Amino acid sequence: MVPPLPLQRCRRRQPGFTLIELMIVVVIIAVLAAVALPAFLDSIRKGRRADAVAALTQVQQSQERWRANRGSYADETELSTAPPDGLGIDATSSNGYYTLSLSDVSAAGYTVTATAKSGTFQASDSACQKLVLRLAGGNVFYSSVDGGGSADASDSKRCWAR
């Protein structure tokens, strides 16, 4: 007869995760967040540019009404002055992400600029710090200014989604 084998201790595996499995999951989540978060924030900035476009369009329409009644365009001092002495447009966009300014006002045109307000999330929109609408001789020109201050009229589609 064969002698019985000594009893071996049965070691049962405890349910749950090991530390290595948990660290792998953390690394995967970190990589996904590192890729997705900048793209998400960029899409928020792009969406908020609509605030600037709406404000610039409002100024453009008000300027055309002003010119139809007076024969010239309103200047910077008349931008926020209440009607009938001015356009009655607040110098800040409706959602507060941009400030508006008029310049180069003449009988034939003007330039209106929407600048991202400092201290807001939109100020970190380095590609489109300023959106510029220029009316000259009846033609509208769209351009943008990046965070470094260089103007770009050639690639206006980058900031002006039309």
N, C-alpha and C. Protein backbone atom coordinates (compact mmCIF):
# COMPACT_ATOMS: atom_id res chain seq x y z
N MET A 1 0.82 -1.16 0.00
CA MET A 1 0.00 0.00 0.00
C MET A 1 0.88 1.25 0.00
N VAL A 2 0.38 2.27 -0.69
CA VAL A 2 1.13 3.52 -0.84
C VAL A 2 0.77 4.42 0.33
N PRO A 3 1.80 5.02 0.93
CA PRO A 3 1.47 5.90 2.05
C PRO A 3 0.74 7.15 1.57
N PRO A 4 -0.15 7.68 2.34
CA PRO A 4 -0.89 8.87 1.91
C PRO A 4 0.03 10.08 1.85
N LEU A 5 -0.28 10.94 0.90
CA LEU A 5 0.49 12.18 0.75
C LEU A 5 0.14 13.13 1.88
N PRO A 6 1.13 13.89 2.30
CA PRO A 6 0.81 14.85 3.35
C PRO A 6 -0.18 15.89 2.82
N LEU A 7 -0.99 16.33 3.67
CA LEU A 7 -1.97 17.32 3.27
C LEU A 7 -1.27 18.63 2.93
N GLN A 8 -1.57 19.08 1.73
CA GLN A 8 -1.01 20.37 1.33
C GLN A 8 -2.03 21.44 1.64
N ARG A 9 -1.50 22.51 2.02
CA ARG A 9 -2.41 23.61 2.31
C ARG A 9 -2.94 24.18 1.01
N CYS A 10 -4.21 24.25 0.93
CA CYS A 10 -4.84 24.84 -0.25
C CYS A 10 -4.88 26.35 -0.05
N ARG A 11 -4.30 27.00 -0.99
CA ARG A 11 -4.29 28.44 -0.90
C ARG A 11 -5.30 28.98 -1.88
N ARG A 12 -6.32 29.58 -1.38
CA ARG A 12 -7.37 30.11 -2.23
C ARG A 12 -7.01 31.54 -2.60
N ARG A 13 -7.29 31.86 -3.84
CA ARG A 13 -7.03 33.22 -4.31
C ARG A 13 -8.16 34.12 -3.87
N GLN A 14 -7.78 35.24 -3.28
CA GLN A 14 -8.78 36.19 -2.82
C GLN A 14 -9.34 36.96 -4.02
N PRO A 15 -10.64 37.23 -4.02
CA PRO A 15 -11.20 38.00 -5.12
C PRO A 15 -10.74 39.46 -5.04
N GLY A 16 -10.60 40.11 -6.21
CA GLY A 16 -10.19 41.52 -6.24
C GLY A 16 -9.12 41.74 -7.29
N PHE A 17 -8.50 42.90 -7.22
CA PHE A 17 -7.49 43.27 -8.20
C PHE A 17 -6.13 43.29 -7.53
N THR A 18 -5.14 42.97 -8.32
CA THR A 18 -3.78 43.10 -7.82
C THR A 18 -3.34 44.55 -8.03
N LEU A 19 -2.28 44.91 -7.40
CA LEU A 19 -1.77 46.27 -7.53
C LEU A 19 -1.31 46.54 -8.96
N ILE A 20 -0.74 45.56 -9.60
CA ILE A 20 -0.28 45.73 -10.98
C ILE A 20 -1.47 45.96 -11.92
N GLU A 21 -2.54 45.21 -11.75
CA GLU A 21 -3.73 45.41 -12.59
C GLU A 21 -4.30 46.81 -12.38
N LEU A 22 -4.33 47.26 -11.15
CA LEU A 22 -4.84 48.58 -10.84
C LEU A 22 -3.96 49.67 -11.46
N MET A 23 -2.66 49.50 -11.41
CA MET A 23 -1.75 50.49 -12.00
C MET A 23 -1.88 50.54 -13.52
N ILE A 24 -2.12 49.41 -14.15
CA ILE A 24 -2.31 49.39 -15.60
C ILE A 24 -3.55 50.19 -15.98
N VAL A 25 -4.62 50.04 -15.22
CA VAL A 25 -5.84 50.80 -15.48
C VAL A 25 -5.60 52.29 -15.29
N VAL A 26 -4.87 52.67 -14.26
CA VAL A 26 -4.56 54.08 -14.01
C VAL A 26 -3.74 54.67 -15.16
N VAL A 27 -2.77 53.93 -15.65
CA VAL A 27 -1.94 54.39 -16.77
C VAL A 27 -2.80 54.57 -18.03
N ILE A 28 -3.68 53.64 -18.31
CA ILE A 28 -4.55 53.74 -19.49
C ILE A 28 -5.45 54.98 -19.38
N ILE A 29 -6.01 55.20 -18.21
CA ILE A 29 -6.87 56.38 -18.02
C ILE A 29 -6.06 57.67 -18.17
N ALA A 30 -4.85 57.70 -17.67
CA ALA A 30 -4.01 58.89 -17.78
C ALA A 30 -3.66 59.19 -19.24
N VAL A 31 -3.36 58.17 -20.01
CA VAL A 31 -3.04 58.36 -21.43
C VAL A 31 -4.26 58.88 -22.18
N LEU A 32 -5.41 58.30 -21.92
CA LEU A 32 -6.64 58.77 -22.58
C LEU A 32 -6.95 60.22 -22.20
N ALA A 33 -6.77 60.56 -20.95
CA ALA A 33 -7.03 61.94 -20.51
C ALA A 33 -6.04 62.91 -21.14
N ALA A 34 -4.78 62.50 -21.26
CA ALA A 34 -3.77 63.38 -21.86
C ALA A 34 -4.07 63.65 -23.33
N VAL A 35 -4.70 62.73 -24.01
CA VAL A 35 -5.05 62.92 -25.41
C VAL A 35 -6.38 63.65 -25.55
N ALA A 36 -7.35 63.29 -24.76
CA ALA A 36 -8.70 63.82 -24.94
C ALA A 36 -8.90 65.21 -24.34
N LEU A 37 -8.27 65.53 -23.23
CA LEU A 37 -8.51 66.81 -22.57
C LEU A 37 -8.13 68.02 -23.41
N PRO A 38 -6.95 68.07 -24.03
CA PRO A 38 -6.64 69.23 -24.88
C PRO A 38 -7.61 69.38 -26.05
N ALA A 39 -8.01 68.29 -26.65
CA ALA A 39 -8.97 68.37 -27.76
C ALA A 39 -10.33 68.88 -27.27
N PHE A 40 -10.73 68.45 -26.10
CA PHE A 40 -11.99 68.91 -25.53
C PHE A 40 -11.94 70.41 -25.22
N LEU A 41 -10.86 70.87 -24.60
CA LEU A 41 -10.73 72.28 -24.28
C LEU A 41 -10.66 73.14 -25.54
N ASP A 42 -10.00 72.63 -26.58
CA ASP A 42 -9.94 73.36 -27.84
C ASP A 42 -11.32 73.50 -28.48
N SER A 43 -12.13 72.46 -28.39
CA SER A 43 -13.48 72.56 -28.96
C SER A 43 -14.34 73.54 -28.16
N ILE A 44 -14.11 73.66 -26.86
CA ILE A 44 -14.83 74.65 -26.07
C ILE A 44 -14.43 76.06 -26.52
N ARG A 45 -13.13 76.29 -26.73
CA ARG A 45 -12.67 77.60 -27.19
C ARG A 45 -13.27 77.94 -28.55
N LYS A 46 -13.29 76.97 -29.45
CA LYS A 46 -13.88 77.21 -30.77
C LYS A 46 -15.35 77.55 -30.67
N GLY A 47 -16.06 76.87 -29.80
CA GLY A 47 -17.48 77.16 -29.62
C GLY A 47 -17.72 78.55 -29.06
N ARG A 48 -16.83 78.99 -28.19
CA ARG A 48 -16.99 80.32 -27.59
C ARG A 48 -16.61 81.44 -28.54
N ARG A 49 -15.92 81.12 -29.63
CA ARG A 49 -15.65 82.15 -30.65
C ARG A 49 -16.95 82.65 -31.27
N ALA A 50 -17.99 81.86 -31.19
CA ALA A 50 -19.29 82.29 -31.72
C ALA A 50 -19.78 83.54 -30.99
N ASP A 51 -19.38 83.71 -29.74
CA ASP A 51 -19.72 84.92 -28.98
C ASP A 51 -19.10 86.14 -29.65
N ALA A 52 -17.86 86.03 -30.09
CA ALA A 52 -17.19 87.14 -30.79
C ALA A 52 -17.83 87.39 -32.14
N VAL A 53 -18.11 86.33 -32.87
CA VAL A 53 -18.72 86.49 -34.20
C VAL A 53 -20.08 87.17 -34.08
N ALA A 54 -20.87 86.77 -33.10
CA ALA A 54 -22.19 87.39 -32.90
C ALA A 54 -22.05 88.87 -32.55
N ALA A 55 -21.09 89.20 -31.70
CA ALA A 55 -20.89 90.60 -31.32
C ALA A 55 -20.42 91.43 -32.51
N LEU A 56 -19.50 90.88 -33.31
CA LEU A 56 -19.02 91.61 -34.49
C LEU A 56 -20.13 91.79 -35.51
N THR A 57 -20.96 90.79 -35.67
CA THR A 57 -22.10 90.89 -36.58
C THR A 57 -23.09 91.95 -36.11
N GLN A 58 -23.29 92.03 -34.81
CA GLN A 58 -24.19 93.04 -34.26
C GLN A 58 -23.64 94.44 -34.53
N VAL A 59 -22.33 94.62 -34.36
CA VAL A 59 -21.72 95.92 -34.65
C VAL A 59 -21.86 96.24 -36.13
N GLN A 60 -21.62 95.25 -36.98
CA GLN A 60 -21.71 95.47 -38.43
C GLN A 60 -23.11 95.90 -38.83
N GLN A 61 -24.12 95.23 -38.32
CA GLN A 61 -25.49 95.59 -38.65
C GLN A 61 -25.85 96.97 -38.11
N SER A 62 -25.42 97.26 -36.90
CA SER A 62 -25.70 98.58 -36.32
C SER A 62 -24.99 99.68 -37.09
N GLN A 63 -23.79 99.41 -37.54
CA GLN A 63 -23.05 100.39 -38.34
C GLN A 63 -23.78 100.68 -39.66
N GLU A 64 -24.34 99.67 -40.28
CA GLU A 64 -25.06 99.89 -41.55
C GLU A 64 -26.34 100.69 -41.32
N ARG A 65 -27.03 100.43 -40.21
CA ARG A 65 -28.21 101.25 -39.89
C ARG A 65 -27.81 102.69 -39.62
N TRP A 66 -26.70 102.87 -38.88
CA TRP A 66 -26.21 104.21 -38.57
C TRP A 66 -25.87 104.95 -39.85
N ARG A 67 -25.16 104.29 -40.75
CA ARG A 67 -24.74 104.93 -42.00
C ARG A 67 -25.93 105.26 -42.89
N ALA A 68 -26.95 104.40 -42.87
CA ALA A 68 -28.14 104.66 -43.68
C ALA A 68 -28.85 105.94 -43.22
N ASN A 69 -28.77 106.24 -41.94
CA ASN A 69 -29.43 107.43 -41.40
C ASN A 69 -28.55 108.67 -41.36
N ARG A 70 -27.22 108.49 -41.36
CA ARG A 70 -26.33 109.64 -41.15
C ARG A 70 -25.29 109.84 -42.25
N GLY A 71 -25.09 108.90 -43.10
CA GLY A 71 -24.14 109.07 -44.21
C GLY A 71 -22.70 108.74 -43.86
N SER A 72 -22.40 108.37 -42.62
CA SER A 72 -21.05 107.95 -42.24
C SER A 72 -21.18 106.89 -41.14
N TYR A 73 -20.08 106.27 -40.83
CA TYR A 73 -20.09 105.23 -39.80
C TYR A 73 -19.83 105.83 -38.42
N ALA A 74 -20.34 105.18 -37.39
CA ALA A 74 -20.13 105.62 -36.02
C ALA A 74 -18.71 105.32 -35.60
N ASP A 75 -18.13 106.20 -34.78
CA ASP A 75 -16.76 105.97 -34.32
C ASP A 75 -16.76 105.31 -32.94
N GLU A 76 -15.57 105.15 -32.39
CA GLU A 76 -15.39 104.43 -31.12
C GLU A 76 -16.20 105.04 -29.98
N THR A 77 -16.30 106.36 -29.95
CA THR A 77 -17.02 107.01 -28.86
C THR A 77 -18.53 106.77 -28.95
N GLU A 78 -19.01 106.46 -30.13
CA GLU A 78 -20.44 106.24 -30.32
C GLU A 78 -20.83 104.76 -30.22
N LEU A 79 -19.87 103.90 -29.98
CA LEU A 79 -20.15 102.46 -29.91
C LEU A 79 -21.09 102.14 -28.75
N SER A 80 -20.75 102.57 -27.56
CA SER A 80 -21.58 102.21 -26.41
C SER A 80 -22.51 103.33 -25.95
N THR A 81 -22.51 104.45 -26.65
CA THR A 81 -23.44 105.52 -26.32
C THR A 81 -24.85 105.08 -26.70
N ALA A 82 -25.79 105.38 -25.84
CA ALA A 82 -27.18 104.95 -26.08
C ALA A 82 -27.76 105.65 -27.30
N PRO A 83 -28.64 104.95 -28.05
CA PRO A 83 -29.30 105.58 -29.19
C PRO A 83 -30.16 106.75 -28.72
N PRO A 84 -30.42 107.72 -29.46
CA PRO A 84 -30.09 107.94 -30.86
C PRO A 84 -28.72 108.54 -31.09
N ASP A 85 -27.94 108.80 -30.03
CA ASP A 85 -26.62 109.43 -30.19
C ASP A 85 -25.51 108.43 -30.44
N GLY A 86 -25.80 107.16 -30.38
CA GLY A 86 -24.78 106.15 -30.60
C GLY A 86 -25.41 104.81 -30.97
N LEU A 87 -24.56 103.81 -31.10
CA LEU A 87 -25.04 102.48 -31.49
C LEU A 87 -25.69 101.74 -30.32
N GLY A 88 -25.31 102.06 -29.11
CA GLY A 88 -25.89 101.40 -27.94
C GLY A 88 -25.44 99.97 -27.76
N ILE A 89 -24.23 99.66 -28.19
CA ILE A 89 -23.69 98.31 -28.07
C ILE A 89 -22.68 98.28 -26.93
N ASP A 90 -22.83 97.32 -26.04
CA ASP A 90 -21.90 97.17 -24.92
C ASP A 90 -20.53 96.81 -25.48
N ALA A 91 -19.48 97.32 -24.88
CA ALA A 91 -18.12 97.05 -25.34
C ALA A 91 -17.65 95.64 -24.98
N THR A 92 -18.49 94.88 -24.30
CA THR A 92 -18.20 93.48 -23.97
C THR A 92 -19.22 92.60 -24.68
N SER A 93 -18.78 91.48 -25.22
CA SER A 93 -19.69 90.58 -25.91
C SER A 93 -20.75 90.05 -24.94
N SER A 94 -21.81 89.48 -25.49
CA SER A 94 -22.95 89.09 -24.66
C SER A 94 -22.59 88.07 -23.57
N ASN A 95 -21.69 87.15 -23.85
CA ASN A 95 -21.29 86.17 -22.83
C ASN A 95 -20.07 86.61 -22.03
N GLY A 96 -19.51 87.76 -22.38
CA GLY A 96 -18.40 88.32 -21.61
C GLY A 96 -17.03 87.76 -21.91
N TYR A 97 -16.85 87.08 -23.02
CA TYR A 97 -15.55 86.50 -23.34
C TYR A 97 -14.67 87.45 -24.15
N TYR A 98 -15.26 88.46 -24.79
CA TYR A 98 -14.53 89.35 -25.68
C TYR A 98 -14.87 90.81 -25.40
N THR A 99 -13.90 91.69 -25.67
CA THR A 99 -14.16 93.13 -25.65
C THR A 99 -14.12 93.63 -27.08
N LEU A 100 -14.95 94.60 -27.38
CA LEU A 100 -15.07 95.13 -28.74
C LEU A 100 -14.44 96.51 -28.84
N SER A 101 -13.85 96.79 -29.98
CA SER A 101 -13.30 98.12 -30.22
C SER A 101 -13.43 98.45 -31.70
N LEU A 102 -13.68 99.72 -31.97
CA LEU A 102 -13.76 100.24 -33.34
C LEU A 102 -12.51 101.05 -33.63
N SER A 103 -12.04 100.98 -34.85
CA SER A 103 -10.88 101.79 -35.25
C SER A 103 -10.96 102.05 -36.74
N ASP A 104 -10.10 102.92 -37.21
CA ASP A 104 -10.00 103.26 -38.64
C ASP A 104 -11.35 103.60 -39.25
N VAL A 105 -12.17 104.36 -38.52
CA VAL A 105 -13.49 104.71 -39.01
C VAL A 105 -13.37 105.85 -40.00
N SER A 106 -14.00 105.65 -41.16
CA SER A 106 -14.05 106.68 -42.19
C SER A 106 -15.41 106.59 -42.86
N ALA A 107 -15.63 107.41 -43.87
CA ALA A 107 -16.90 107.36 -44.59
C ALA A 107 -17.03 106.09 -45.41
N ALA A 108 -15.89 105.45 -45.72
CA ALA A 108 -15.91 104.26 -46.58
C ALA A 108 -15.76 102.95 -45.81
N GLY A 109 -15.49 103.01 -44.53
CA GLY A 109 -15.32 101.75 -43.82
C GLY A 109 -14.88 101.92 -42.38
N TYR A 110 -14.57 100.81 -41.76
CA TYR A 110 -14.17 100.77 -40.36
C TYR A 110 -13.56 99.41 -40.07
N THR A 111 -12.95 99.30 -38.92
CA THR A 111 -12.43 98.02 -38.43
C THR A 111 -12.99 97.80 -37.03
N VAL A 112 -13.56 96.64 -36.80
CA VAL A 112 -14.04 96.28 -35.47
C VAL A 112 -13.30 95.02 -35.04
N THR A 113 -12.82 95.04 -33.81
CA THR A 113 -12.00 93.96 -33.29
C THR A 113 -12.61 93.39 -32.01
N ALA A 114 -12.69 92.08 -31.94
CA ALA A 114 -13.11 91.39 -30.72
C ALA A 114 -11.86 90.75 -30.12
N THR A 115 -11.49 91.21 -28.93
CA THR A 115 -10.28 90.72 -28.26
C THR A 115 -10.69 89.87 -27.07
N ALA A 116 -10.09 88.70 -26.95
CA ALA A 116 -10.40 87.81 -25.81
C ALA A 116 -10.03 88.53 -24.52
N LYS A 117 -10.98 88.53 -23.58
CA LYS A 117 -10.75 89.22 -22.30
C LYS A 117 -9.72 88.46 -21.47
N SER A 118 -8.80 89.21 -20.90
CA SER A 118 -7.83 88.57 -20.03
C SER A 118 -8.53 88.12 -18.75
N GLY A 119 -8.08 87.04 -18.22
CA GLY A 119 -8.69 86.49 -17.02
C GLY A 119 -9.83 85.52 -17.31
N THR A 120 -10.18 85.35 -18.57
CA THR A 120 -11.20 84.38 -18.93
C THR A 120 -10.53 83.17 -19.57
N PHE A 121 -11.26 82.09 -19.66
CA PHE A 121 -10.76 80.87 -20.29
C PHE A 121 -10.41 81.13 -21.75
N GLN A 122 -11.15 82.03 -22.38
CA GLN A 122 -10.95 82.31 -23.79
C GLN A 122 -9.62 83.01 -24.06
N ALA A 123 -9.04 83.64 -23.06
CA ALA A 123 -7.75 84.31 -23.23
C ALA A 123 -6.64 83.32 -23.57
N SER A 124 -6.84 82.06 -23.26
CA SER A 124 -5.83 81.04 -23.59
C SER A 124 -6.00 80.48 -25.01
N ASP A 125 -6.89 81.09 -25.78
CA ASP A 125 -7.08 80.69 -27.18
C ASP A 125 -5.96 81.33 -28.00
N SER A 126 -4.79 80.71 -27.97
CA SER A 126 -3.60 81.32 -28.56
C SER A 126 -3.69 81.47 -30.07
N ALA A 127 -4.48 80.67 -30.74
CA ALA A 127 -4.58 80.77 -32.20
C ALA A 127 -5.44 81.94 -32.64
N CYS A 128 -6.41 82.32 -31.81
CA CYS A 128 -7.37 83.35 -32.21
C CYS A 128 -7.63 84.32 -31.06
N GLN A 129 -6.61 85.03 -30.62
CA GLN A 129 -6.76 86.00 -29.54
C GLN A 129 -7.70 87.14 -29.93
N LYS A 130 -7.62 87.54 -31.21
CA LYS A 130 -8.47 88.63 -31.70
C LYS A 130 -9.11 88.21 -33.01
N LEU A 131 -10.37 88.54 -33.16
CA LEU A 131 -11.06 88.36 -34.43
C LEU A 131 -11.35 89.75 -34.97
N VAL A 132 -10.99 89.98 -36.22
CA VAL A 132 -11.06 91.31 -36.80
C VAL A 132 -11.97 91.29 -38.03
N LEU A 133 -12.90 92.21 -38.05
CA LEU A 133 -13.78 92.40 -39.21
C LEU A 133 -13.49 93.80 -39.74
N ARG A 134 -13.10 93.89 -41.01
CA ARG A 134 -12.76 95.18 -41.61
C ARG A 134 -13.66 95.39 -42.81
N LEU A 135 -14.31 96.54 -42.85
CA LEU A 135 -15.13 96.92 -43.99
C LEU A 135 -14.40 98.03 -44.71
N ALA A 136 -14.11 97.81 -45.98
CA ALA A 136 -13.40 98.81 -46.78
C ALA A 136 -14.01 98.85 -48.17
N GLY A 137 -14.57 99.99 -48.52
CA GLY A 137 -15.13 100.16 -49.85
C GLY A 137 -16.27 99.20 -50.16
N GLY A 138 -17.04 98.85 -49.17
CA GLY A 138 -18.17 97.95 -49.37
C GLY A 138 -17.83 96.48 -49.29
N ASN A 139 -16.57 96.13 -49.12
CA ASN A 139 -16.13 94.74 -49.01
C ASN A 139 -15.78 94.42 -47.56
N VAL A 140 -16.15 93.23 -47.13
CA VAL A 140 -15.86 92.78 -45.77
C VAL A 140 -14.67 91.83 -45.81
N PHE A 141 -13.70 92.08 -44.93
CA PHE A 141 -12.52 91.25 -44.81
C PHE A 141 -12.44 90.69 -43.40
N TYR A 142 -12.18 89.40 -43.30
CA TYR A 142 -12.09 88.72 -42.02
C TYR A 142 -10.63 88.34 -41.76
N SER A 143 -10.17 88.57 -40.57
CA SER A 143 -8.81 88.15 -40.22
C SER A 143 -8.77 87.82 -38.73
N SER A 144 -7.63 87.35 -38.29
CA SER A 144 -7.46 87.01 -36.88
C SER A 144 -6.04 87.37 -36.46
N VAL A 145 -5.86 87.48 -35.15
CA VAL A 145 -4.56 87.77 -34.58
C VAL A 145 -4.29 86.71 -33.52
N ASP A 146 -3.12 86.07 -33.61
CA ASP A 146 -2.82 85.02 -32.64
C ASP A 146 -2.22 85.60 -31.37
N GLY A 147 -1.89 84.74 -30.44
CA GLY A 147 -1.37 85.17 -29.15
C GLY A 147 -0.07 85.94 -29.25
N GLY A 148 0.72 85.71 -30.31
CA GLY A 148 1.97 86.43 -30.49
C GLY A 148 1.80 87.80 -31.10
N GLY A 149 0.58 88.13 -31.51
CA GLY A 149 0.31 89.45 -32.08
C GLY A 149 0.43 89.53 -33.58
N SER A 150 0.68 88.40 -34.26
CA SER A 150 0.79 88.45 -35.71
C SER A 150 -0.57 88.20 -36.35
N ALA A 151 -0.93 89.11 -37.26
CA ALA A 151 -2.22 89.03 -37.94
C ALA A 151 -2.16 88.00 -39.06
N ASP A 152 -3.30 87.39 -39.33
CA ASP A 152 -3.38 86.37 -40.37
C ASP A 152 -4.69 86.54 -41.13
N ALA A 153 -4.61 87.16 -42.29
CA ALA A 153 -5.80 87.33 -43.12
C ALA A 153 -5.93 86.20 -44.13
N SER A 154 -4.84 85.45 -44.34
CA SER A 154 -4.88 84.41 -45.37
C SER A 154 -5.66 83.18 -44.93
N ASP A 155 -5.60 82.86 -43.65
CA ASP A 155 -6.27 81.65 -43.15
C ASP A 155 -7.37 82.03 -42.17
N SER A 156 -8.30 82.86 -42.64
CA SER A 156 -9.35 83.34 -41.74
C SER A 156 -10.33 82.24 -41.36
N LYS A 157 -10.38 81.16 -42.12
CA LYS A 157 -11.30 80.07 -41.81
C LYS A 157 -10.94 79.38 -40.50
N ARG A 158 -9.69 79.53 -40.10
CA ARG A 158 -9.25 78.92 -38.85
C ARG A 158 -10.05 79.47 -37.67
N CYS A 159 -10.31 80.76 -37.67
CA CYS A 159 -11.01 81.39 -36.55
C CYS A 159 -12.45 81.75 -36.90
N TRP A 160 -12.73 81.96 -38.15
CA TRP A 160 -14.07 82.35 -38.59
C TRP A 160 -14.73 81.15 -39.25
N ALA A 161 -15.42 80.35 -38.47
CA ALA A 161 -16.13 79.19 -39.03
C ALA A 161 -17.34 79.69 -39.78
N ARG A 162 -17.23 79.65 -41.11
CA ARG A 162 -18.35 80.11 -41.95
C ARG A 162 -18.77 78.99 -42.85
